[in-house]
Amino acid sequence: MRKFLKVFFSLAVTIYFSTTMFYCFVAGAPQNGKGAVIYVVSAAGLSILFPAFTCGCIHYIIYLRKKLDKQGK
């Protein structure tokens, strides 16, 4: 249950920051044309990539810390 809550919380935080970043990126998007589509697709990619990468790094650091603690004992 604890692992589920940890994964759920991480996923919820990632989705929250992704949607917030996407909204901020698209707020100033061009209105018409091919540039608007490219802009929105790029904003979607970045808004998913950045929070997911950050969350992944945090989990990897926690994993390495646990691994080091195990080796030290």
Protein backbone atom coordinates (compact mmCIF):
# COMPACT_ATOMS: atom_id res chain seq x y z
CA MET A 1 0.00 0.00 0.00
CA ARG A 2 2.84 2.39 0.84
CA LYS A 3 4.51 1.83 -2.54
CA PHE A 4 1.18 2.45 -4.29
CA LEU A 5 0.73 5.75 -2.46
CA LYS A 6 4.28 6.77 -3.32
CA VAL A 7 3.75 6.04 -7.02
CA PHE A 8 0.32 7.68 -6.98
CA PHE A 9 1.66 10.84 -5.31
CA SER A 10 4.57 11.06 -7.76
CA LEU A 11 2.22 10.60 -10.70
CA ALA A 12 -0.21 13.19 -9.35
CA VAL A 13 2.57 15.75 -8.85
CA THR A 14 3.95 15.08 -12.33
CA ILE A 15 0.53 15.45 -13.94
CA TYR A 16 -0.18 18.64 -11.97
CA PHE A 17 3.07 20.30 -13.01
CA SER A 18 2.66 19.07 -16.59
CA THR A 19 -0.79 20.60 -16.93
CA THR A 20 0.33 23.82 -15.26
CA MET A 21 3.34 24.17 -17.55
CA PHE A 22 1.22 23.34 -20.62
CA TYR A 23 -1.32 26.01 -19.70
CA CYS A 24 1.43 28.59 -19.19
CA PHE A 25 3.14 27.70 -22.46
CA VAL A 26 -0.05 27.77 -24.52
CA ALA A 27 -1.38 31.00 -23.01
CA GLY A 28 0.84 33.00 -25.36
CA ALA A 29 0.58 30.69 -28.37
CA PRO A 30 -0.06 32.00 -31.88
CA GLN A 31 -3.72 31.77 -32.85
CA ASN A 32 -3.63 30.46 -36.44
CA GLY A 33 -1.48 28.62 -38.91
CA LYS A 34 1.12 25.90 -38.94
CA GLY A 35 3.16 27.70 -36.30
CA ALA A 36 0.35 27.32 -33.78
CA VAL A 37 0.26 23.54 -34.20
CA ILE A 38 4.04 23.22 -33.89
CA TYR A 39 4.00 25.50 -30.85
CA VAL A 40 1.28 23.52 -29.07
CA VAL A 41 2.93 20.15 -29.82
CA SER A 42 6.30 21.44 -28.60
CA ALA A 43 4.68 22.85 -25.46
CA ALA A 44 2.98 19.51 -24.78
CA GLY A 45 6.26 17.63 -25.18
CA LEU A 46 8.18 19.96 -22.90
CA SER A 47 5.45 20.13 -20.29
CA ILE A 48 5.46 16.33 -20.01
CA LEU A 49 9.22 15.84 -20.33
CA PHE A 50 10.47 18.28 -17.67
CA PRO A 51 8.34 17.17 -14.68
CA ALA A 52 8.70 13.48 -15.59
CA PHE A 53 12.49 13.82 -15.84
CA THR A 54 12.65 15.64 -12.51
CA CYS A 55 10.46 13.05 -10.80
CA GLY A 56 12.57 10.26 -12.29
CA CYS A 57 15.77 11.87 -11.03
CA ILE A 58 14.36 12.23 -7.53
CA HIS A 59 13.33 8.58 -7.44
CA TYR A 60 16.73 7.51 -8.76
CA ILE A 61 18.52 9.52 -6.07
CA ILE A 62 16.33 7.93 -3.39
CA TYR A 63 17.08 4.49 -4.85
CA LEU A 64 20.83 5.15 -4.82
CA ARG A 65 20.69 6.44 -1.25
CA LYS A 66 18.93 3.26 -0.11
CA LYS A 67 21.49 1.17 -1.99
CA LEU A 68 24.37 3.02 -0.32
CA ASP A 69 22.77 2.61 3.10
CA LYS A 70 22.46 -1.14 2.49
CA GLN A 71 26.13 -1.42 1.50
CA GLY A 72 27.23 0.57 4.53
CA LYS A 73 25.53 -1.79 6.99
